[in-house]
Amino acid sequence: MDGTSGAEYAEFSGWYGDWPDTSFDRLIGANVRLPRDFPDDGQVMSEDFGTAAARCDGESAHYEASSYPGRADRRLAARELRPLLVAFARDQAGRRGCSHLALPGQRILPNGR
């Protein structure tokens, strides 16, 4: 997403197929401090990125939005990034006829580093 200055503030990605579940579990586990009671299939919103998931034609779909410090002139706070991720995931899932859309909750989890 570009601002009027041309600086990139956030990146959005989508992955489709059988492989993403494990990859996203690793991404989340390596980068976010998860509470003990966090559900295995929960979607996260951390200080720097958030995830959403869906099912498309019986396979996994994962969506990610990130805004890391130092990668642009300005980064988006998690509370600003979450609604953009939600809109992106809804749009992408709708375009592909996906179901069971799982979005991150309002809780912002701390980074794991």
PDB file of N, CA and C in Angstrom:
ATOM      1  N   MET A   1       0.852  -1.162   0.000  1.00  0.00           N
ATOM      2  CA  MET A   1       0.000   0.000   0.000  1.00  0.00           C
ATOM      3  C   MET A   1       0.899   1.226   0.000  1.00  0.00           C
ATOM      4  N   ASP A   2       0.699   2.114  -0.909  1.00  0.00           N
ATOM      5  CA  ASP A   2       1.540   3.290  -1.027  1.00  0.00           C
ATOM      6  C   ASP A   2       0.815   4.533  -0.531  1.00  0.00           C
ATOM      7  N   GLY A   3       1.574   5.384   0.147  1.00  0.00           N
ATOM      8  CA  GLY A   3       1.056   6.678   0.541  1.00  0.00           C
ATOM      9  C   GLY A   3       1.283   7.657  -0.605  1.00  0.00           C
ATOM     10  N   THR A   4       0.902   8.873  -0.413  1.00  0.00           N
ATOM     11  CA  THR A   4       1.066   9.858  -1.474  1.00  0.00           C
ATOM     12  C   THR A   4       2.533  10.146  -1.766  1.00  0.00           C
ATOM     13  N   SER A   5       3.418   9.875  -0.805  1.00  0.00           N
ATOM     14  CA  SER A   5       4.843  10.106  -1.010  1.00  0.00           C
ATOM     15  C   SER A   5       5.493   8.977  -1.801  1.00  0.00           C
ATOM     16  N   GLY A   6       4.786   7.892  -2.036  1.00  0.00           N
ATOM     17  CA  GLY A   6       5.354   6.741  -2.727  1.00  0.00           C
ATOM     18  C   GLY A   6       6.041   5.773  -1.787  1.00  0.00           C
ATOM     19  N   ALA A   7       6.105   6.074  -0.487  1.00  0.00           N
ATOM     20  CA  ALA A   7       6.723   5.172   0.481  1.00  0.00           C
ATOM     21  C   ALA A   7       5.772   4.021   0.787  1.00  0.00           C
ATOM     22  N   GLU A   8       6.310   2.833   0.868  1.00  0.00           N
ATOM     23  CA  GLU A   8       5.493   1.654   1.150  1.00  0.00           C
ATOM     24  C   GLU A   8       5.308   1.525   2.659  1.00  0.00           C
ATOM     25  N   TYR A   9       4.063   1.420   3.092  1.00  0.00           N
ATOM     26  CA  TYR A   9       3.757   1.323   4.509  1.00  0.00           C
ATOM     27  C   TYR A   9       3.381  -0.076   4.944  1.00  0.00           C
ATOM     28  N   ALA A  10       2.782  -0.863   4.059  1.00  0.00           N
ATOM     29  CA  ALA A  10       2.330  -2.201   4.421  1.00  0.00           C
ATOM     30  C   ALA A  10       2.432  -3.125   3.215  1.00  0.00           C
ATOM     31  N   GLU A  11       2.633  -4.407   3.502  1.00  0.00           N
ATOM     32  CA  GLU A  11       2.673  -5.430   2.459  1.00  0.00           C
ATOM     33  C   GLU A  11       1.574  -6.444   2.736  1.00  0.00           C
ATOM     34  N   PHE A  12       0.968  -6.948   1.663  1.00  0.00           N
ATOM     35  CA  PHE A  12      -0.121  -7.923   1.763  1.00  0.00           C
ATOM     36  C   PHE A  12       0.216  -9.123   0.904  1.00  0.00           C
ATOM     37  N   SER A  13      -0.041 -10.323   1.437  1.00  0.00           N
ATOM     38  CA  SER A  13       0.253 -11.556   0.708  1.00  0.00           C
ATOM     39  C   SER A  13      -0.854 -12.567   0.932  1.00  0.00           C
ATOM     40  N   GLY A  14      -1.012 -13.462  -0.025  1.00  0.00           N
ATOM     41  CA  GLY A  14      -1.950 -14.571   0.095  1.00  0.00           C
ATOM     42  C   GLY A  14      -1.294 -15.840  -0.406  1.00  0.00           C
ATOM     43  N   TRP A  15      -1.504 -16.954   0.307  1.00  0.00           N
ATOM     44  CA  TRP A  15      -0.966 -18.258  -0.071  1.00  0.00           C
ATOM     45  C   TRP A  15      -2.118 -19.255  -0.137  1.00  0.00           C
ATOM     46  N   TYR A  16      -2.092 -20.093  -1.159  1.00  0.00           N
ATOM     47  CA  TYR A  16      -3.164 -21.065  -1.373  1.00  0.00           C
ATOM     48  C   TYR A  16      -2.569 -22.448  -1.596  1.00  0.00           C
ATOM     49  N   GLY A  17      -3.214 -23.482  -1.041  1.00  0.00           N
ATOM     50  CA  GLY A  17      -2.788 -24.853  -1.262  1.00  0.00           C
ATOM     51  C   GLY A  17      -2.620 -25.616   0.041  1.00  0.00           C
ATOM     52  N   ASP A  18      -2.110 -26.838  -0.058  1.00  0.00           N
ATOM     53  CA  ASP A  18      -1.961 -27.703   1.114  1.00  0.00           C
ATOM     54  C   ASP A  18      -0.858 -27.271   2.074  1.00  0.00           C
ATOM     55  N   TRP A  19       0.193 -26.668   1.584  1.00  0.00           N
ATOM     56  CA  TRP A  19       1.371 -26.400   2.400  1.00  0.00           C
ATOM     57  C   TRP A  19       1.286 -25.280   3.420  1.00  0.00           C
ATOM     58  N   PRO A  20       0.411 -24.276   3.301  1.00  0.00           N
ATOM     59  CA  PRO A  20       0.539 -23.100   4.166  1.00  0.00           C
ATOM     60  C   PRO A  20       0.328 -23.316   5.658  1.00  0.00           C
ATOM     61  N   ASP A  21      -0.440 -24.302   6.093  1.00  0.00           N
ATOM     62  CA  ASP A  21      -0.714 -24.430   7.530  1.00  0.00           C
ATOM     63  C   ASP A  21       0.571 -24.524   8.338  1.00  0.00           C
ATOM     64  N   THR A  22       1.463 -25.408   7.963  1.00  0.00           N
ATOM     65  CA  THR A  22       2.720 -25.577   8.688  1.00  0.00           C
ATOM     66  C   THR A  22       3.579 -24.327   8.579  1.00  0.00           C
ATOM     67  N   SER A  23       3.651 -23.761   7.417  1.00  0.00           N
ATOM     68  CA  SER A  23       4.464 -22.561   7.220  1.00  0.00           C
ATOM     69  C   SER A  23       3.985 -21.413   8.096  1.00  0.00           C
ATOM     70  N   PHE A  24       2.690 -21.234   8.189  1.00  0.00           N
ATOM     71  CA  PHE A  24       2.171 -20.137   8.998  1.00  0.00           C
ATOM     72  C   PHE A  24       2.340 -20.417  10.484  1.00  0.00           C
ATOM     73  N   ASP A  25       2.228 -21.664  10.909  1.00  0.00           N
ATOM     74  CA  ASP A  25       2.493 -22.006  12.308  1.00  0.00           C
ATOM     75  C   ASP A  25       3.925 -21.633  12.673  1.00  0.00           C
ATOM     76  N   ARG A  26       4.861 -21.912  11.788  1.00  0.00           N
ATOM     77  CA  ARG A  26       6.279 -21.570  12.034  1.00  0.00           C
ATOM     78  C   ARG A  26       6.474 -20.060  12.057  1.00  0.00           C
ATOM     79  N   LEU A  27       5.862 -19.366  11.115  1.00  0.00           N
ATOM     80  CA  LEU A  27       5.969 -17.908  11.061  1.00  0.00           C
ATOM     81  C   LEU A  27       5.480 -17.292  12.358  1.00  0.00           C
ATOM     82  N   ILE A  28       4.328 -17.726  12.796  1.00  0.00           N
ATOM     83  CA  ILE A  28       3.743 -17.172  14.010  1.00  0.00           C
ATOM     84  C   ILE A  28       4.584 -17.535  15.232  1.00  0.00           C
ATOM     85  N   GLY A  29       4.947 -18.804  15.358  1.00  0.00           N
ATOM     86  CA  GLY A  29       5.717 -19.258  16.513  1.00  0.00           C
ATOM     87  C   GLY A  29       7.072 -18.594  16.634  1.00  0.00           C
ATOM     88  N   ALA A  30       7.685 -18.264  15.528  1.00  0.00           N
ATOM     89  CA  ALA A  30       9.012 -17.645  15.546  1.00  0.00           C
ATOM     90  C   ALA A  30       8.962 -16.143  15.789  1.00  0.00           C
ATOM     91  N   ASN A  31       7.826 -15.519  15.570  1.00  0.00           N
ATOM     92  CA  ASN A  31       7.769 -14.060  15.602  1.00  0.00           C
ATOM     93  C   ASN A  31       6.824 -13.439  16.626  1.00  0.00           C
ATOM     94  N   VAL A  32       6.022 -14.261  17.295  1.00  0.00           N
ATOM     95  CA  VAL A  32       5.027 -13.727  18.217  1.00  0.00           C
ATOM     96  C   VAL A  32       5.077 -14.516  19.526  1.00  0.00           C
ATOM     97  N   ARG A  33       4.991 -13.803  20.639  1.00  0.00           N
ATOM     98  CA  ARG A  33       4.891 -14.476  21.942  1.00  0.00           C
ATOM     99  C   ARG A  33       3.427 -14.855  22.166  1.00  0.00           C
ATOM    100  N   LEU A  34       3.133 -16.132  21.979  1.00  0.00           N
ATOM    101  CA  LEU A  34       1.752 -16.600  22.115  1.00  0.00           C
ATOM    102  C   LEU A  34       1.455 -16.967  23.557  1.00  0.00           C
ATOM    103  N   PRO A  35       0.291 -16.590  24.059  1.00  0.00           N
ATOM    104  CA  PRO A  35      -0.100 -17.018  25.400  1.00  0.00           C
ATOM    105  C   PRO A  35      -0.347 -18.531  25.409  1.00  0.00           C
ATOM    106  N   ARG A  36      -0.223 -19.136  26.567  1.00  0.00           N
ATOM    107  CA  ARG A  36      -0.393 -20.592  26.685  1.00  0.00           C
ATOM    108  C   ARG A  36      -1.754 -21.072  26.194  1.00  0.00           C
ATOM    109  N   ASP A  37      -2.771 -20.261  26.377  1.00  0.00           N
ATOM    110  CA  ASP A  37      -4.131 -20.677  26.004  1.00  0.00           C
ATOM    111  C   ASP A  37      -4.495 -20.302  24.568  1.00  0.00           C
ATOM    112  N   PHE A  38      -3.514 -19.895  23.767  1.00  0.00           N
ATOM    113  CA  PHE A  38      -3.809 -19.489  22.399  1.00  0.00           C
ATOM    114  C   PHE A  38      -4.172 -20.713  21.568  1.00  0.00           C
ATOM    115  N   PRO A  39      -5.298 -20.669  20.829  1.00  0.00           N
ATOM    116  CA  PRO A  39      -5.711 -21.844  20.048  1.00  0.00           C
ATOM    117  C   PRO A  39      -4.732 -22.142  18.911  1.00  0.00           C
ATOM    118  N   ASP A  40      -4.517 -23.427  18.643  1.00  0.00           N
ATOM    119  CA  ASP A  40      -3.593 -23.844  17.589  1.00  0.00           C
ATOM    120  C   ASP A  40      -3.969 -23.260  16.232  1.00  0.00           C
ATOM    121  N   ASP A  41      -5.263 -23.106  15.992  1.00  0.00           N
ATOM    122  CA  ASP A  41      -5.701 -22.612  14.696  1.00  0.00           C
ATOM    123  C   ASP A  41      -6.083 -21.126  14.733  1.00  0.00           C
ATOM    124  N   GLY A  42      -5.648 -20.429  15.788  1.00  0.00           N
ATOM    125  CA  GLY A  42      -5.995 -19.023  15.923  1.00  0.00           C
ATOM    126  C   GLY A  42      -5.212 -18.135  14.978  1.00  0.00           C
ATOM    127  N   GLN A  43      -5.841 -17.084  14.532  1.00  0.00           N
ATOM    128  CA  GLN A  43      -5.186 -16.085  13.697  1.00  0.00           C
ATOM    129  C   GLN A  43      -4.679 -14.984  14.612  1.00  0.00           C
ATOM    130  N   VAL A  44      -3.546 -14.404  14.262  1.00  0.00           N
ATOM    131  CA  VAL A  44      -2.911 -13.458  15.164  1.00  0.00           C
ATOM    132  C   VAL A  44      -2.850 -12.054  14.593  1.00  0.00           C
ATOM    133  N   MET A  45      -2.740 -11.121  15.505  1.00  0.00           N
ATOM    134  CA  MET A  45      -2.389  -9.747  15.182  1.00  0.00           C
ATOM    135  C   MET A  45      -1.275  -9.401  16.145  1.00  0.00           C
ATOM    136  N   SER A  46      -0.081  -9.199  15.598  1.00  0.00           N
ATOM    137  CA  SER A  46       1.058  -8.834  16.430  1.00  0.00           C
ATOM    138  C   SER A  46       1.393  -7.374  16.193  1.00  0.00           C
ATOM    139  N   GLU A  47       2.470  -6.921  16.786  1.00  0.00           N
ATOM    140  CA  GLU A  47       2.873  -5.530  16.638  1.00  0.00           C
ATOM    141  C   GLU A  47       3.271  -5.195  15.195  1.00  0.00           C
ATOM    142  N   ASP A  48       3.759  -6.206  14.439  1.00  0.00           N
ATOM    143  CA  ASP A  48       4.275  -5.971  13.087  1.00  0.00           C
ATOM    144  C   ASP A  48       3.504  -6.646  11.968  1.00  0.00           C
ATOM    145  N   PHE A  49       2.716  -7.669  12.269  1.00  0.00           N
ATOM    146  CA  PHE A  49       1.988  -8.371  11.212  1.00  0.00           C
ATOM    147  C   PHE A  49       0.759  -9.054  11.770  1.00  0.00           C
ATOM    148  N   GLY A  50      -0.127  -9.430  10.854  1.00  0.00           N
ATOM    149  CA  GLY A  50      -1.326 -10.161  11.235  1.00  0.00           C
ATOM    150  C   GLY A  50      -1.615 -11.224  10.197  1.00  0.00           C
ATOM    151  N   THR A  51      -2.392 -12.237  10.606  1.00  0.00           N
ATOM    152  CA  THR A  51      -2.748 -13.327   9.702  1.00  0.00           C
ATOM    153  C   THR A  51      -4.252 -13.568   9.716  1.00  0.00           C
ATOM    154  N   ALA A  52      -4.732 -14.089   8.610  1.00  0.00           N
ATOM    155  CA  ALA A  52      -6.122 -14.527   8.458  1.00  0.00           C
ATOM    156  C   ALA A  52      -6.073 -15.816   7.650  1.00  0.00           C
ATOM    157  N   ALA A  53      -7.133 -16.604   7.697  1.00  0.00           N
ATOM    158  CA  ALA A  53      -7.149 -17.876   6.975  1.00  0.00           C
ATOM    159  C   ALA A  53      -8.550 -18.158   6.442  1.00  0.00           C
ATOM    160  N   ALA A  54      -8.615 -19.036   5.452  1.00  0.00           N
ATOM    161  CA  ALA A  54      -9.894 -19.458   4.867  1.00  0.00           C
ATOM    162  C   ALA A  54      -9.691 -20.828   4.235  1.00  0.00           C
ATOM    163  N   ARG A  55     -10.784 -21.367   3.689  1.00  0.00           N
ATOM    164  CA  ARG A  55     -10.732 -22.611   2.922  1.00  0.00           C
ATOM    165  C   ARG A  55     -11.207 -22.293   1.517  1.00  0.00           C
ATOM    166  N   CYS A  56     -10.393 -22.693   0.530  1.00  0.00           N
ATOM    167  CA  CYS A  56     -10.719 -22.447  -0.870  1.00  0.00           C
ATOM    168  C   CYS A  56     -10.645 -23.762  -1.626  1.00  0.00           C
ATOM    169  N   ASP A  57     -11.761 -24.207  -2.164  1.00  0.00           N
ATOM    170  CA  ASP A  57     -11.803 -25.477  -2.893  1.00  0.00           C
ATOM    171  C   ASP A  57     -11.224 -26.612  -2.064  1.00  0.00           C
ATOM    172  N   GLY A  58     -11.519 -26.617  -0.762  1.00  0.00           N
ATOM    173  CA  GLY A  58     -11.073 -27.684   0.128  1.00  0.00           C
ATOM    174  C   GLY A  58      -9.633 -27.575   0.575  1.00  0.00           C
ATOM    175  N   GLU A  59      -8.925 -26.524   0.170  1.00  0.00           N
ATOM    176  CA  GLU A  59      -7.527 -26.358   0.572  1.00  0.00           C
ATOM    177  C   GLU A  59      -7.377 -25.090   1.406  1.00  0.00           C
ATOM    178  N   SER A  60      -6.236 -24.997   2.074  1.00  0.00           N
ATOM    179  CA  SER A  60      -5.953 -23.851   2.930  1.00  0.00           C
ATOM    180  C   SER A  60      -5.657 -22.598   2.127  1.00  0.00           C
ATOM    181  N   ALA A  61      -6.058 -21.490   2.692  1.00  0.00           N
ATOM    182  CA  ALA A  61      -5.673 -20.176   2.180  1.00  0.00           C
ATOM    183  C   ALA A  61      -5.259 -19.345   3.385  1.00  0.00           C
ATOM    184  N   HIS A  62      -4.145 -18.659   3.276  1.00  0.00           N
ATOM    185  CA  HIS A  62      -3.664 -17.803   4.357  1.00  0.00           C
ATOM    186  C   HIS A  62      -3.362 -16.433   3.797  1.00  0.00           C
ATOM    187  N   TYR A  63      -3.676 -15.423   4.604  1.00  0.00           N
ATOM    188  CA  TYR A  63      -3.453 -14.039   4.231  1.00  0.00           C
ATOM    189  C   TYR A  63      -2.597 -13.397   5.309  1.00  0.00           C
ATOM    190  N   GLU A  64      -1.701 -12.535   4.884  1.00  0.00           N
ATOM    191  CA  GLU A  64      -0.807 -11.880   5.827  1.00  0.00           C
ATOM    192  C   GLU A  64      -0.657 -10.424   5.437  1.00  0.00           C
ATOM    193  N   ALA A  65      -0.612  -9.562   6.434  1.00  0.00           N
ATOM    194  CA  ALA A  65      -0.311  -8.150   6.231  1.00  0.00           C
ATOM    195  C   ALA A  65       0.789  -7.789   7.213  1.00  0.00           C
ATOM    196  N   SER A  66       1.766  -7.023   6.758  1.00  0.00           N
ATOM    197  CA  SER A  66       2.871  -6.650   7.640  1.00  0.00           C
ATOM    198  C   SER A  66       3.271  -5.201   7.428  1.00  0.00           C
ATOM    199  N   SER A  67       3.834  -4.649   8.470  1.00  0.00           N
ATOM    200  CA  SER A  67       4.373  -3.294   8.427  1.00  0.00           C
ATOM    201  C   SER A  67       5.489  -3.246   9.461  1.00  0.00           C
ATOM    202  N   TYR A  68       6.715  -3.460   9.001  1.00  0.00           N
ATOM    203  CA  TYR A  68       7.857  -3.562   9.897  1.00  0.00           C
ATOM    204  C   TYR A  68       8.588  -2.232  10.027  1.00  0.00           C
ATOM    205  N   PRO A  69       9.065  -1.912  11.226  1.00  0.00           N
ATOM    206  CA  PRO A  69       9.838  -0.686  11.410  1.00  0.00           C
ATOM    207  C   PRO A  69      11.107  -0.726  10.564  1.00  0.00           C
ATOM    208  N   GLY A  70      11.483   0.422  10.051  1.00  0.00           N
ATOM    209  CA  GLY A  70      12.722   0.520   9.304  1.00  0.00           C
ATOM    210  C   GLY A  70      12.629   0.125   7.846  1.00  0.00           C
ATOM    211  N   ARG A  71      11.521  -0.445   7.414  1.00  0.00           N
ATOM    212  CA  ARG A  71      11.363  -0.845   6.013  1.00  0.00           C
ATOM    213  C   ARG A  71      10.758   0.271   5.182  1.00  0.00           C
ATOM    214  N   ALA A  72      10.315   1.312   5.829  1.00  0.00           N
ATOM    215  CA  ALA A  72       9.716   2.439   5.118  1.00  0.00           C
ATOM    216  C   ALA A  72       9.878   3.685   5.981  1.00  0.00           C
ATOM    217  N   ASP A  73       9.513   4.790   5.431  1.00  0.00           N
ATOM    218  CA  ASP A  73       9.583   6.032   6.200  1.00  0.00           C
ATOM    219  C   ASP A  73       8.648   5.988   7.402  1.00  0.00           C
ATOM    220  N   ARG A  74       7.590   5.238   7.285  1.00  0.00           N
ATOM    221  CA  ARG A  74       6.578   5.169   8.337  1.00  0.00           C
ATOM    222  C   ARG A  74       6.046   3.755   8.388  1.00  0.00           C
ATOM    223  N   ARG A  75       5.750   3.272   9.559  1.00  0.00           N
ATOM    224  CA  ARG A  75       5.108   1.971   9.680  1.00  0.00           C
ATOM    225  C   ARG A  75       3.719   2.171  10.260  1.00  0.00           C
ATOM    226  N   LEU A  76       2.829   1.244   9.941  1.00  0.00           N
ATOM    227  CA  LEU A  76       1.477   1.300  10.488  1.00  0.00           C
ATOM    228  C   LEU A  76       1.457   0.579  11.824  1.00  0.00           C
ATOM    229  N   ALA A  77       0.787   1.153  12.786  1.00  0.00           N
ATOM    230  CA  ALA A  77       0.568   0.479  14.057  1.00  0.00           C
ATOM    231  C   ALA A  77      -0.390  -0.689  13.823  1.00  0.00           C
ATOM    232  N   ALA A  78      -0.315  -1.700  14.668  1.00  0.00           N
ATOM    233  CA  ALA A  78      -1.165  -2.885  14.517  1.00  0.00           C
ATOM    234  C   ALA A  78      -2.648  -2.511  14.463  1.00  0.00           C
ATOM    235  N   ARG A  79      -3.067  -1.542  15.242  1.00  0.00           N
ATOM    236  CA  ARG A  79      -4.481  -1.152  15.241  1.00  0.00           C
ATOM    237  C   ARG A  79      -4.895  -0.514  13.913  1.00  0.00           C
ATOM    238  N   GLU A  80      -3.924   0.031  13.157  1.00  0.00           N
ATOM    239  CA  GLU A  80      -4.197   0.568  11.823  1.00  0.00           C
ATOM    240  C   GLU A  80      -4.107  -0.530  10.764  1.00  0.00           C
ATOM    241  N   LEU A  81      -3.208  -1.490  10.993  1.00  0.00           N
ATOM    242  CA  LEU A  81      -2.987  -2.565  10.028  1.00  0.00           C
ATOM    243  C   LEU A  81      -4.116  -3.597  10.043  1.00  0.00           C
ATOM    244  N   ARG A  82      -4.678  -3.879  11.222  1.00  0.00           N
ATOM    245  CA  ARG A  82      -5.711  -4.919  11.331  1.00  0.00           C
ATOM    246  C   ARG A  82      -6.902  -4.680  10.400  1.00  0.00           C
ATOM    247  N   PRO A  83      -7.512  -3.487  10.363  1.00  0.00           N
ATOM    248  CA  PRO A  83      -8.658  -3.319   9.462  1.00  0.00           C
ATOM    249  C   PRO A  83      -8.281  -3.479   7.984  1.00  0.00           C
ATOM    250  N   LEU A  84      -7.042  -3.156   7.639  1.00  0.00           N
ATOM    251  CA  LEU A  84      -6.596  -3.348   6.257  1.00  0.00           C
ATOM    252  C   LEU A  84      -6.450  -4.830   5.939  1.00  0.00           C
ATOM    253  N   LEU A  85      -5.915  -5.596   6.893  1.00  0.00           N
ATOM    254  CA  LEU A  85      -5.809  -7.050   6.717  1.00  0.00           C
ATOM    255  C   LEU A  85      -7.198  -7.667   6.587  1.00  0.00           C
ATOM    256  N   VAL A  86      -8.115  -7.260   7.438  1.00  0.00           N
ATOM    257  CA  VAL A  86      -9.483  -7.794   7.398  1.00  0.00           C
ATOM    258  C   VAL A  86     -10.116  -7.505   6.029  1.00  0.00           C
ATOM    259  N   ALA A  87      -9.970  -6.290   5.549  1.00  0.00           N
ATOM    260  CA  ALA A  87     -10.543  -5.937   4.235  1.00  0.00           C
ATOM    261  C   ALA A  87      -9.871  -6.739   3.124  1.00  0.00           C
ATOM    262  N   PHE A  88      -8.548  -6.888   3.182  1.00  0.00           N
ATOM    263  CA  PHE A  88      -7.810  -7.655   2.178  1.00  0.00           C
ATOM    264  C   PHE A  88      -8.259  -9.119   2.176  1.00  0.00           C
ATOM    265  N   ALA A  89      -8.322  -9.739   3.357  1.00  0.00           N
ATOM    266  CA  ALA A  89      -8.714 -11.151   3.450  1.00  0.00           C
ATOM    267  C   ALA A  89     -10.149 -11.355   2.962  1.00  0.00           C
ATOM    268  N   ARG A  90     -11.058 -10.471   3.345  1.00  0.00           N
ATOM    269  CA  ARG A  90     -12.454 -10.578   2.882  1.00  0.00           C
ATOM    270  C   ARG A  90     -12.537 -10.451   1.371  1.00  0.00           C
ATOM    271  N   ASP A  91     -11.797  -9.502   0.821  1.00  0.00           N
ATOM    272  CA  ASP A  91     -11.796  -9.302  -0.619  1.00  0.00           C
ATOM    273  C   ASP A  91     -11.244 -10.538  -1.340  1.00  0.00           C
ATOM    274  N   GLN A  92     -10.100 -11.018  -0.915  1.00  0.00           N
ATOM    275  CA  GLN A  92      -9.467 -12.155  -1.585  1.00  0.00           C
ATOM    276  C   GLN A  92     -10.297 -13.429  -1.446  1.00  0.00           C
ATOM    277  N   ALA A  93     -10.832 -13.677  -0.255  1.00  0.00           N
ATOM    278  CA  ALA A  93     -11.667 -14.861  -0.046  1.00  0.00           C
ATOM    279  C   ALA A  93     -12.935 -14.770  -0.899  1.00  0.00           C
ATOM    280  N   GLY A  94     -13.512 -13.591  -0.990  1.00  0.00           N
ATOM    281  CA  GLY A  94     -14.710 -13.398  -1.802  1.00  0.00           C
ATOM    282  C   GLY A  94     -14.447 -13.608  -3.282  1.00  0.00           C
ATOM    283  N   ARG A  95     -13.324 -13.108  -3.765  1.00  0.00           N
ATOM    284  CA  ARG A  95     -12.980 -13.257  -5.183  1.00  0.00           C
ATOM    285  C   ARG A  95     -12.785 -14.717  -5.577  1.00  0.00           C
ATOM    286  N   ARG A  96     -12.333 -15.524  -4.635  1.00  0.00           N
ATOM    287  CA  ARG A  96     -12.033 -16.924  -4.930  1.00  0.00           C
ATOM    288  C   ARG A  96     -13.107 -17.883  -4.424  1.00  0.00           C
ATOM    289  N   GLY A  97     -14.195 -17.346  -3.887  1.00  0.00           N
ATOM    290  CA  GLY A  97     -15.276 -18.197  -3.397  1.00  0.00           C
ATOM    291  C   GLY A  97     -14.880 -19.033  -2.187  1.00  0.00           C
ATOM    292  N   CYS A  98     -14.007 -18.498  -1.333  1.00  0.00           N
ATOM    293  CA  CYS A  98     -13.531 -19.225  -0.153  1.00  0.00           C
ATOM    294  C   CYS A  98     -14.561 -19.165   0.967  1.00  0.00           C
ATOM    295  N   SER A  99     -14.458 -20.095   1.882  1.00  0.00           N
ATOM    296  CA  SER A  99     -15.365 -20.152   3.029  1.00  0.00           C
ATOM    297  C   SER A  99     -14.552 -20.216   4.318  1.00  0.00           C
ATOM    298  N   HIS A 100     -15.249 -20.234   5.437  1.00  0.00           N
ATOM    299  CA  HIS A 100     -14.634 -20.381   6.754  1.00  0.00           C
ATOM    300  C   HIS A 100     -13.530 -19.348   6.992  1.00  0.00           C
ATOM    301  N   LEU A 101     -13.806 -18.106   6.684  1.00  0.00           N
ATOM    302  CA  LEU A 101     -12.817 -17.050   6.878  1.00  0.00           C
ATOM    303  C   LEU A 101     -12.581 -16.834   8.371  1.00  0.00           C
ATOM    304  N   ALA A 102     -11.338 -16.939   8.795  1.00  0.00           N
ATOM    305  CA  ALA A 102     -10.938 -16.729  10.192  1.00  0.00           C
ATOM    306  C   ALA A 102     -10.050 -15.494  10.246  1.00  0.00           C
ATOM    307  N   LEU A 103     -10.482 -14.517  11.019  1.00  0.00           N
ATOM    308  CA  LEU A 103      -9.779 -13.239  11.112  1.00  0.00           C
ATOM    309  C   LEU A 103      -9.127 -13.099  12.488  1.00  0.00           C
ATOM    310  N   PRO A 104      -8.074 -12.271  12.590  1.00  0.00           N
ATOM    311  CA  PRO A 104      -7.467 -12.077  13.903  1.00  0.00           C
ATOM    312  C   PRO A 104      -8.393 -11.295  14.814  1.00  0.00           C
ATOM    313  N   GLY A 105      -8.297 -11.584  16.107  1.00  0.00           N
ATOM    314  CA  GLY A 105      -9.088 -10.847  17.088  1.00  0.00           C
ATOM    315  C   GLY A 105      -8.522  -9.457  17.318  1.00  0.00           C
ATOM    316  N   GLN A 106      -9.139  -8.725  18.201  1.00  0.00           N
ATOM    317  CA  GLN A 106      -8.714  -7.365  18.509  1.00  0.00           C
ATOM    318  C   GLN A 106      -7.416  -7.322  19.321  1.00  0.00           C
ATOM    319  N   ARG A 107      -7.104  -8.417  20.004  1.00  0.00           N
ATOM    320  CA  ARG A 107      -5.929  -8.463  20.878  1.00  0.00           C
ATOM    321  C   ARG A 107      -4.647  -8.407  20.048  1.00  0.00           C
ATOM    322  N   ILE A 108      -3.747  -7.504  20.426  1.00  0.00           N
ATOM    323  CA  ILE A 108      -2.456  -7.380  19.757  1.00  0.00           C
ATOM    324  C   ILE A 108      -1.414  -8.082  20.619  1.00  0.00           C
ATOM    325  N   LEU A 109      -0.800  -9.113  20.056  1.00  0.00           N
ATOM    326  CA  LEU A 109       0.175  -9.902  20.800  1.00  0.00           C
ATOM    327  C   LEU A 109       1.571  -9.309  20.620  1.00  0.00           C
ATOM    328  N   PRO A 110       2.430  -9.429  21.649  1.00  0.00           N
ATOM    329  CA  PRO A 110       3.773  -8.869  21.544  1.00  0.00           C
ATOM    330  C   PRO A 110       4.658  -9.667  20.595  1.00  0.00           C
ATOM    331  N   ASN A 111       5.623  -8.968  20.019  1.00  0.00           N
ATOM    332  CA  ASN A 111       6.607  -9.635  19.173  1.00  0.00           C
ATOM    333  C   ASN A 111       7.416 -10.630  19.992  1.00  0.00           C
ATOM    334  N   GLY A 112       7.906 -11.655  19.317  1.00  0.00           N
ATOM    335  CA  GLY A 112       8.667 -12.689  19.986  1.00  0.00           C
ATOM    336  C   GLY A 112      10.157 -12.451  20.026  1.00  0.00           C
ATOM    337  N   ARG A 113      10.622 -11.431  19.379  1.00  0.00           N
ATOM    338  CA  ARG A 113      12.062 -11.193  19.368  1.00  0.00           C
ATOM    339  C   ARG A 113      12.517 -10.362  20.520  1.00  0.00           C
TER     340      ARG A 113
END
